[in-house]
C-alpha atoms as a PDB file:
ATOM      1  CA  MET A   1     125.364  86.379 118.715  1.00  0.00           C
ATOM      2  CA  ASP A   2     125.481  89.636 120.672  1.00  0.00           C
ATOM      3  CA  GLN A   3     121.903  90.483 119.667  1.00  0.00           C
ATOM      4  CA  LEU A   4     120.617  87.103 120.857  1.00  0.00           C
ATOM      5  CA  HIS A   5     122.634  87.384 124.066  1.00  0.00           C
ATOM      6  CA  ARG A   6     121.160  90.820 124.856  1.00  0.00           C
ATOM      7  CA  ALA A   7     117.620  89.776 123.947  1.00  0.00           C
ATOM      8  CA  THR A   8     117.566  86.469 125.847  1.00  0.00           C
ATOM      9  CA  ARG A   9     120.271  86.999 128.510  1.00  0.00           C
ATOM     10  CA  LEU A  10     121.307  83.398 127.878  1.00  0.00           C
ATOM     11  CA  PRO A  11     125.026  82.613 128.156  1.00  0.00           C
ATOM     12  CA  LYS A  12     126.779  82.769 124.800  1.00  0.00           C
ATOM     13  CA  PRO A  13     127.932  79.106 124.971  1.00  0.00           C
ATOM     14  CA  THR A  14     124.276  78.106 125.418  1.00  0.00           C
ATOM     15  CA  ILE A  15     123.265  80.217 122.423  1.00  0.00           C
ATOM     16  CA  MET A  16     126.020  78.613 120.361  1.00  0.00           C
ATOM     17  CA  ARG A  17     124.735  75.126 121.221  1.00  0.00           C
ATOM     18  CA  LEU A  18     121.146  76.102 120.403  1.00  0.00           C
ATOM     19  CA  LEU A  19     122.205  77.602 117.070  1.00  0.00           C
ATOM     20  CA  GLY A  20     124.142  74.442 116.295  1.00  0.00           C
ATOM     21  CA  THR A  21     121.022  72.366 116.971  1.00  0.00           C
ATOM     22  CA  LEU A  22     118.903  74.655 114.778  1.00  0.00           C
ATOM     23  CA  ALA A  23     121.514  74.533 112.011  1.00  0.00           C
ATOM     24  CA  THR A  24     121.531  70.725 112.115  1.00  0.00           C
ATOM     25  CA  ALA A  25     117.746  70.811 111.814  1.00  0.00           C
ATOM     26  CA  GLY A  26     118.043  73.087 108.785  1.00  0.00           C
ATOM     27  CA  LEU A  27     116.235  75.989 110.459  1.00  0.00           C
ATOM     28  CA  VAL A  28     119.159  78.436 110.487  1.00  0.00           C
ATOM     29  CA  ALA A  29     122.276  78.843 108.384  1.00  0.00           C
ATOM     30  CA  LYS A  30     125.532  80.734 108.676  1.00  0.00           C
ATOM     31  CA  GLY A  31     125.323  84.235 107.224  1.00  0.00           C
ATOM     32  CA  ASP A  32     127.291  85.690 104.349  1.00  0.00           C
ATOM     33  CA  ARG A  33     131.058  85.227 104.724  1.00  0.00           C
ATOM     34  CA  GLY A  34     130.392  83.135 107.838  1.00  0.00           C
ATOM     35  CA  ILE A  35     129.214  86.167 109.831  1.00  0.00           C
ATOM     36  CA  GLY A  36     126.077  85.751 111.935  1.00  0.00           C
ATOM     37  CA  TYR A  37     123.107  83.496 111.255  1.00  0.00           C
ATOM     38  CA  SER A  38     119.962  83.716 109.145  1.00  0.00           C
ATOM     39  CA  ILE A  39     116.666  81.856 109.211  1.00  0.00           C
ATOM     40  CA  THR A  40     116.054  79.383 106.384  1.00  0.00           C
ATOM     41  CA  SER A  41     112.787  78.696 104.610  1.00  0.00           C
ATOM     42  CA  ASP A  42     112.404  75.436 106.577  1.00  0.00           C
ATOM     43  CA  VAL A  43     110.821  77.489 109.358  1.00  0.00           C
ATOM     44  CA  LEU A  44     107.733  77.621 107.124  1.00  0.00           C
ATOM     45  CA  ALA A  45     107.044  74.040 108.204  1.00  0.00           C
ATOM     46  CA  LEU A  46     106.722  75.156 111.831  1.00  0.00           C
ATOM     47  CA  SER A  47     103.636  77.289 111.297  1.00  0.00           C
ATOM     48  CA  ALA A  48     101.217  77.756 108.425  1.00  0.00           C
ATOM     49  CA  GLY A  49     101.064  81.445 109.333  1.00  0.00           C
ATOM     50  CA  PHE A  50     104.764  82.245 109.284  1.00  0.00           C
ATOM     51  CA  HIS A  51     105.647  85.112 106.963  1.00  0.00           C
ATOM     52  CA  GLY A  52     107.373  84.206 103.713  1.00  0.00           C
ATOM     53  CA  GLY A  53     110.339  86.503 104.267  1.00  0.00           C
ATOM     54  CA  PRO A  54     112.831  83.701 104.940  1.00  0.00           C
ATOM     55  CA  LEU A  55     111.834  81.971 101.698  1.00  0.00           C
ATOM     56  CA  VAL A  56     112.477  85.002  99.498  1.00  0.00           C
ATOM     57  CA  ALA A  57     115.690  85.739 101.411  1.00  0.00           C
ATOM     58  CA  GLU A  58     117.020  82.211 100.991  1.00  0.00           C
ATOM     59  CA  ALA A  59     116.080  82.109  97.316  1.00  0.00           C
ATOM     60  CA  GLY A  60     117.227  85.642  96.606  1.00  0.00           C
ATOM     61  CA  ARG A  61     120.530  85.921  98.457  1.00  0.00           C
ATOM     62  CA  PRO A  62     122.731  84.395  95.703  1.00  0.00           C
ATOM     63  CA  TRP A  63     121.025  86.447  92.988  1.00  0.00           C
ATOM     64  CA  ALA A  64     121.456  89.666  94.977  1.00  0.00           C
ATOM     65  CA  ALA A  65     125.150  88.855  95.421  1.00  0.00           C
ATOM     66  CA  GLU A  66     125.479  88.150  91.700  1.00  0.00           C
ATOM     67  CA  LEU A  67     123.937  91.540  90.875  1.00  0.00           C
ATOM     68  CA  THR A  68     126.510  93.282  93.045  1.00  0.00           C
ATOM     69  CA  ARG A  69     129.409  91.263  91.631  1.00  0.00           C
ATOM     70  CA  ARG A  70     128.346  92.183  88.112  1.00  0.00           C
ATOM     71  CA  LEU A  71     127.126  95.773  88.519  1.00  0.00           C
ATOM     72  CA  ARG A  72     129.095  96.742  91.663  1.00  0.00           C
ATOM     73  CA  TRP A  73     126.143  98.550  93.244  1.00  0.00           C
ATOM     74  CA  PRO A  74     124.668  97.114  96.483  1.00  0.00           C
ATOM     75  CA  ALA A  75     121.469  95.106  96.191  1.00  0.00           C
ATOM     76  CA  ALA A  76     118.770  94.651  98.828  1.00  0.00           C
ATOM     77  CA  ILE A  77     115.734  92.411  99.195  1.00  0.00           C
ATOM     78  CA  ALA A  78     112.890  93.626 101.397  1.00  0.00           C
ATOM     79  CA  VAL A  79     109.669  92.099 102.723  1.00  0.00           C
ATOM     80  CA  PRO A  80     106.606  93.830 104.217  1.00  0.00           C
ATOM     81  CA  PHE A  81     106.141  93.909 107.972  1.00  0.00           C
ATOM     82  CA  GLY A  82     103.734  96.113 109.901  1.00  0.00           C
ATOM     83  CA  GLY A  83     103.064  98.489 107.037  1.00  0.00           C
ATOM     84  CA  ARG A  84     106.761  99.006 106.302  1.00  0.00           C
ATOM     85  CA  MET A  85     109.435  97.244 104.254  1.00  0.00           C
ATOM     86  CA  THR A  86     112.145  95.428 106.193  1.00  0.00           C
ATOM     87  CA  ILE A  87     115.509  94.561 104.623  1.00  0.00           C
ATOM     88  CA  SER A  88     116.118  90.802 104.741  1.00  0.00           C
ATOM     89  CA  VAL A  89     119.129  90.650 102.378  1.00  0.00           C
ATOM     90  CA  SER A  90     121.792  93.294 101.750  1.00  0.00           C
ATOM     91  CA  THR A  91     124.991  93.104  99.725  1.00  0.00           C
ATOM     92  CA  ALA A  92     126.316  96.486 100.870  1.00  0.00           C
ATOM     93  CA  GLY A  93     129.093  94.632 102.660  1.00  0.00           C
ATOM     94  CA  ILE A  94     130.506  93.264  99.399  1.00  0.00           C
ATOM     95  CA  SER A  95     130.018  96.403  97.299  1.00  0.00           C
ATOM     96  CA  THR A  96     133.003  98.686  96.880  1.00  0.00           C
ATOM     97  CA  VAL A  97     130.800 101.612  95.809  1.00  0.00           C
ATOM     98  CA  SER A  98     127.918 101.355  98.280  1.00  0.00           C
ATOM     99  CA  PRO A  99     126.325 104.696  99.288  1.00  0.00           C
ATOM    100  CA  PHE A 100     125.690 103.300 102.793  1.00  0.00           C
ATOM    101  CA  HIS A 101     126.482 100.507 105.230  1.00  0.00           C
ATOM    102  CA  ALA A 102     124.625  97.171 105.401  1.00  0.00           C
ATOM    103  CA  SER A 103     121.015  97.658 106.505  1.00  0.00           C
ATOM    104  CA  ILE A 104     119.665  94.168 107.283  1.00  0.00           C
ATOM    105  CA  GLY A 105     116.704  94.436 109.647  1.00  0.00           C
ATOM    106  CA  VAL A 106     116.152  98.140 108.988  1.00  0.00           C
ATOM    107  CA  SER A 107     112.615  99.118 107.958  1.00  0.00           C
ATOM    108  CA  PHE A 108     111.644 101.784 105.444  1.00  0.00           C
ATOM    109  CA  SER A 109     108.531 103.648 104.363  1.00  0.00           C
ATOM    110  CA  MET A 110     106.351 102.186 101.626  1.00  0.00           C
ATOM    111  CA  VAL A 111     105.354 105.680 100.523  1.00  0.00           C
ATOM    112  CA  THR A 112     108.740 107.236  99.784  1.00  0.00           C
ATOM    113  CA  ARG A 113     111.265 104.378  99.393  1.00  0.00           C
ATOM    114  CA  ALA A 114     111.756 102.443  96.170  1.00  0.00           C
ATOM    115  CA  LEU A 115     111.520  99.006  97.820  1.00  0.00           C
ATOM    116  CA  GLY A 116     108.181  99.944  99.369  1.00  0.00           C
ATOM    117  CA  ARG A 117     106.828 101.679  96.285  1.00  0.00           C
ATOM    118  CA  ALA A 118     107.512  98.586  94.182  1.00  0.00           C
ATOM    119  CA  TYR A 119     105.511  96.523  96.676  1.00  0.00           C
ATOM    120  CA  LEU A 120     102.539  98.900  96.758  1.00  0.00           C
ATOM    121  CA  ALA A 121     102.500  99.214  92.967  1.00  0.00           C
ATOM    122  CA  TRP A 122     102.251  95.482  92.250  1.00  0.00           C
ATOM    123  CA  CYS A 123     100.519  93.921  95.261  1.00  0.00           C
ATOM    124  CA  PRO A 124      96.841  92.855  94.890  1.00  0.00           C
ATOM    125  CA  GLU A 125      94.288  95.638  95.367  1.00  0.00           C
ATOM    126  CA  GLU A 126      92.746  93.998  98.452  1.00  0.00           C
ATOM    127  CA  GLU A 127      96.137  93.973 100.171  1.00  0.00           C
ATOM    128  CA  ARG A 128      96.845  97.522  99.008  1.00  0.00           C
ATOM    129  CA  GLN A 129      93.656  98.763 100.669  1.00  0.00           C
ATOM    130  CA  ILE A 130      94.738  97.230 103.983  1.00  0.00           C
ATOM    131  CA  LEU A 131      98.202  98.755 103.653  1.00  0.00           C
ATOM    132  CA  LEU A 132      96.727 102.181 102.887  1.00  0.00           C
ATOM    133  CA  ARG A 133      94.705 102.035 106.108  1.00  0.00           C
ATOM    134  CA  MET A 134      97.845 101.084 108.031  1.00  0.00           C
ATOM    135  CA  LEU A 135      99.783 103.911 106.396  1.00  0.00           C
ATOM    136  CA  ALA A 136      97.036 106.406 107.247  1.00  0.00           C
ATOM    137  CA  ALA A 137      97.412 105.437 110.919  1.00  0.00           C
ATOM    138  CA  SER A 138     101.224 105.566 110.838  1.00  0.00           C
ATOM    139  CA  THR A 139     103.141 108.124 112.913  1.00  0.00           C
ATOM    140  CA  ASP A 140     106.153 108.036 110.573  1.00  0.00           C
ATOM    141  CA  PRO A 141     106.607 111.485 108.963  1.00  0.00           C
ATOM    142  CA  GLU A 142     107.367 109.829 105.599  1.00  0.00           C
ATOM    143  CA  ASP A 143     103.955 108.116 105.676  1.00  0.00           C
ATOM    144  CA  ASN A 144     101.996 110.986 107.191  1.00  0.00           C
ATOM    145  CA  VAL A 145     101.514 113.100 104.071  1.00  0.00           C
ATOM    146  CA  PRO A 146      98.459 115.175 103.080  1.00  0.00           C
ATOM    147  CA  ASN A 147      96.017 113.425 100.743  1.00  0.00           C
ATOM    148  CA  LEU A 148      97.852 110.137 101.328  1.00  0.00           C
ATOM    149  CA  GLU A 149      95.682 107.927  99.133  1.00  0.00           C
ATOM    150  CA  ARG A 150      95.757 110.336  96.198  1.00  0.00           C
ATOM    151  CA  VAL A 151      99.542 110.677  96.510  1.00  0.00           C
ATOM    152  CA  VAL A 152      99.995 106.901  96.679  1.00  0.00           C
ATOM    153  CA  ARG A 153      97.645 106.246  93.761  1.00  0.00           C
ATOM    154  CA  THR A 154      99.525 108.747  91.599  1.00  0.00           C
ATOM    155  CA  MET A 155     102.837 107.176  92.596  1.00  0.00           C
ATOM    156  CA  ILE A 156     101.518 103.694  91.761  1.00  0.00           C
ATOM    157  CA  ALA A 157     100.290 104.788  88.327  1.00  0.00           C
ATOM    158  CA  ASN A 158     103.665 106.358  87.502  1.00  0.00           C
ATOM    159  CA  THR A 159     105.593 103.343  88.827  1.00  0.00           C
ATOM    160  CA  VAL A 160     103.557 100.780  86.907  1.00  0.00           C
ATOM    161  CA  ARG A 161     103.775 102.848  83.720  1.00  0.00           C
ATOM    162  CA  GLN A 162     107.588 103.017  83.828  1.00  0.00           C
ATOM    163  CA  GLY A 163     107.963  99.418  85.047  1.00  0.00           C
ATOM    164  CA  TYR A 164     110.130 100.108  88.104  1.00  0.00           C
ATOM    165  CA  ALA A 165     110.108 102.138  91.318  1.00  0.00           C
ATOM    166  CA  LEU A 166     112.434 104.947  92.365  1.00  0.00           C
ATOM    167  CA  ARG A 167     112.947 106.598  95.731  1.00  0.00           C
ATOM    168  CA  ASP A 168     111.160 109.905  96.365  1.00  0.00           C
ATOM    169  CA  PRO A 169     113.736 112.518  95.238  1.00  0.00           C
ATOM    170  CA  LYS A 170     113.056 114.604  98.370  1.00  0.00           C
ATOM    171  CA  VAL A 171     114.266 111.826 100.691  1.00  0.00           C
ATOM    172  CA  GLU A 172     117.800 112.059 102.044  1.00  0.00           C
ATOM    173  CA  PRO A 173     120.486 111.359 101.085  1.00  0.00           C
ATOM    174  CA  ARG A 174     119.757 113.099  97.813  1.00  0.00           C
ATOM    175  CA  SER A 175     123.158 112.177  96.434  1.00  0.00           C
ATOM    176  CA  SER A 176     121.982 108.569  95.990  1.00  0.00           C
ATOM    177  CA  ASN A 177     118.927 106.782  94.666  1.00  0.00           C
ATOM    178  CA  THR A 178     117.409 103.297  94.678  1.00  0.00           C
ATOM    179  CA  VAL A 179     115.600 101.463  91.873  1.00  0.00           C
ATOM    180  CA  ALA A 180     113.411  98.468  92.719  1.00  0.00           C
ATOM    181  CA  VAL A 181     111.101  95.877  91.171  1.00  0.00           C
ATOM    182  CA  PRO A 182     108.740  93.299  92.689  1.00  0.00           C
ATOM    183  CA  ILE A 183     109.500  89.628  93.255  1.00  0.00           C
ATOM    184  CA  MET A 184     106.318  87.776  92.342  1.00  0.00           C
ATOM    185  CA  LEU A 185     105.095  84.440  93.640  1.00  0.00           C
ATOM    186  CA  GLY A 186     101.900  83.570  91.851  1.00  0.00           C
ATOM    187  CA  GLU A 187      99.583  86.576  92.076  1.00  0.00           C
ATOM    188  CA  ALA A 188     101.278  87.854  95.248  1.00  0.00           C
ATOM    189  CA  VAL A 189     104.360  89.976  95.784  1.00  0.00           C
ATOM    190  CA  ALA A 190     106.788  87.939  97.907  1.00  0.00           C
ATOM    191  CA  GLY A 191     109.156  90.878  98.324  1.00  0.00           C
ATOM    192  CA  THR A 192     111.044  93.492  96.366  1.00  0.00           C
ATOM    193  CA  ILE A 193     114.626  93.742  95.124  1.00  0.00           C
ATOM    194  CA  GLY A 194     116.533  96.948  94.497  1.00  0.00           C
ATOM    195  CA  LEU A 195     119.894  98.463  93.642  1.00  0.00           C
ATOM    196  CA  SER A 196     121.208 101.653  95.243  1.00  0.00           C
ATOM    197  CA  PHE A 197     123.594 103.976  93.440  1.00  0.00           C
ATOM    198  CA  PHE A 198     125.049 107.470  93.376  1.00  0.00           C
ATOM    199  CA  ARG A 199     122.966 109.725  91.145  1.00  0.00           C
ATOM    200  CA  SER A 200     126.079 111.322  89.661  1.00  0.00           C
ATOM    201  CA  ALA A 201     127.405 107.948  88.464  1.00  0.00           C
ATOM    202  CA  VAL A 202     124.290 106.484  86.807  1.00  0.00           C
ATOM    203  CA  SER A 203     122.614 108.170  83.851  1.00  0.00           C
ATOM    204  CA  HIS A 204     118.990 107.593  82.942  1.00  0.00           C
ATOM    205  CA  ALA A 205     120.140 105.546  79.946  1.00  0.00           C
ATOM    206  CA  THR A 206     122.214 103.293  82.210  1.00  0.00           C
ATOM    207  CA  LEU A 207     119.346 103.027  84.665  1.00  0.00           C
ATOM    208  CA  VAL A 208     116.790 101.813  82.124  1.00  0.00           C
ATOM    209  CA  GLY A 209     119.216 100.002  79.839  1.00  0.00           C
ATOM    210  CA  GLU A 210     121.331  98.151  82.394  1.00  0.00           C
ATOM    211  CA  LEU A 211     120.132  98.278  86.003  1.00  0.00           C
ATOM    212  CA  VAL A 212     116.404  97.742  85.463  1.00  0.00           C
ATOM    213  CA  PRO A 213     116.779  94.769  83.058  1.00  0.00           C
ATOM    214  CA  ALA A 214     119.277  93.148  85.456  1.00  0.00           C
ATOM    215  CA  LEU A 215     116.875  93.599  88.386  1.00  0.00           C
ATOM    216  CA  LYS A 216     113.953  92.154  86.448  1.00  0.00           C
ATOM    217  CA  GLN A 217     115.996  89.130  85.409  1.00  0.00           C
ATOM    218  CA  ALA A 218     117.131  88.588  89.004  1.00  0.00           C
ATOM    219  CA  SER A 219     113.506  88.865  90.140  1.00  0.00           C
ATOM    220  CA  ARG A 220     112.444  86.148  87.689  1.00  0.00           C
ATOM    221  CA  GLU A 221     115.296  83.900  88.831  1.00  0.00           C
ATOM    222  CA  ILE A 222     114.348  84.408  92.484  1.00  0.00           C
ATOM    223  CA  THR A 223     110.729  83.493  91.726  1.00  0.00           C
ATOM    224  CA  ALA A 224     111.900  80.287  90.033  1.00  0.00           C
ATOM    225  CA  SER A 225     114.160  79.510  93.003  1.00  0.00           C
ATOM    226  CA  MET A 226     111.299  80.058  95.464  1.00  0.00           C
ATOM    227  CA  GLU A 227     109.059  77.725  93.491  1.00  0.00           C
ATOM    228  CA  ARG A 228     111.769  75.038  93.531  1.00  0.00           C
ATOM    229  CA  LEU A 229     112.263  75.490  97.271  1.00  0.00           C
ATOM    230  CA  ARG A 230     108.543  75.182  97.941  1.00  0.00           C
ATOM    231  CA  ARG A 231     108.314  71.988  95.897  1.00  0.00           C
ATOM    232  CA  SER A 232     111.291  70.512  97.739  1.00  0.00           C
ATOM    233  CA  LYS A 233     109.851  71.158 101.221  1.00  0.00           C
ATOM    234  CA  PRO A 234     107.729  68.364 102.723  1.00  0.00           C
ATOM    235  CA  PRO A 235     104.213  69.482 103.712  1.00  0.00           C
ATOM    236  CA  ALA A 236     103.764  70.481 107.340  1.00  0.00           C
ATOM    237  CA  ALA A 237     102.231  67.832 109.575  1.00  0.00           C
END
């Protein structure tokens, strides 16, 4: 509410009425624990060009929450935007062992962060080439690395070989890490899902034997949920 008030300078009662109208139309929904609002996948009917982030967020939110309830670590779902990955779902608020606070709306590098690396590793080559050009023009220090394409290609090969992405170990905070996998929709990557944890509390055996299989199962469930949501939406006029 405060963000919308600052951005639009509309009175808060007016914003409340508008949100109520949008909620009745199915375009927004109350956020987790009744805090804030989030866009629903129905906005896809408004424009054929709207990004699919709301769809993966709507489909993935319950599965991300289930991961955190079961494994305790905070889960996040991210979608690409402007050559970076933006968090659309975070369960840090319900995790009792989260290494950080909730990060919805925060964007991260595709080169060094697990959620971005998982996207680059499994997206189609044509899209990857576009993203590499965007990364080469980026002013973010995490993207602006020498021999960028060679570094990214090596990272992709390692990520695909092991079947999951990890954060660059040189990125702070070094006391924690994130593991991520892609969320597929057909041949495309709709987004990525990851779990963050303290390095001292998760062994490699736990990582590959517990966290990664749980993430991959959640990813498959989110894909199935997205497909059901798409079938249930009437075609745009």
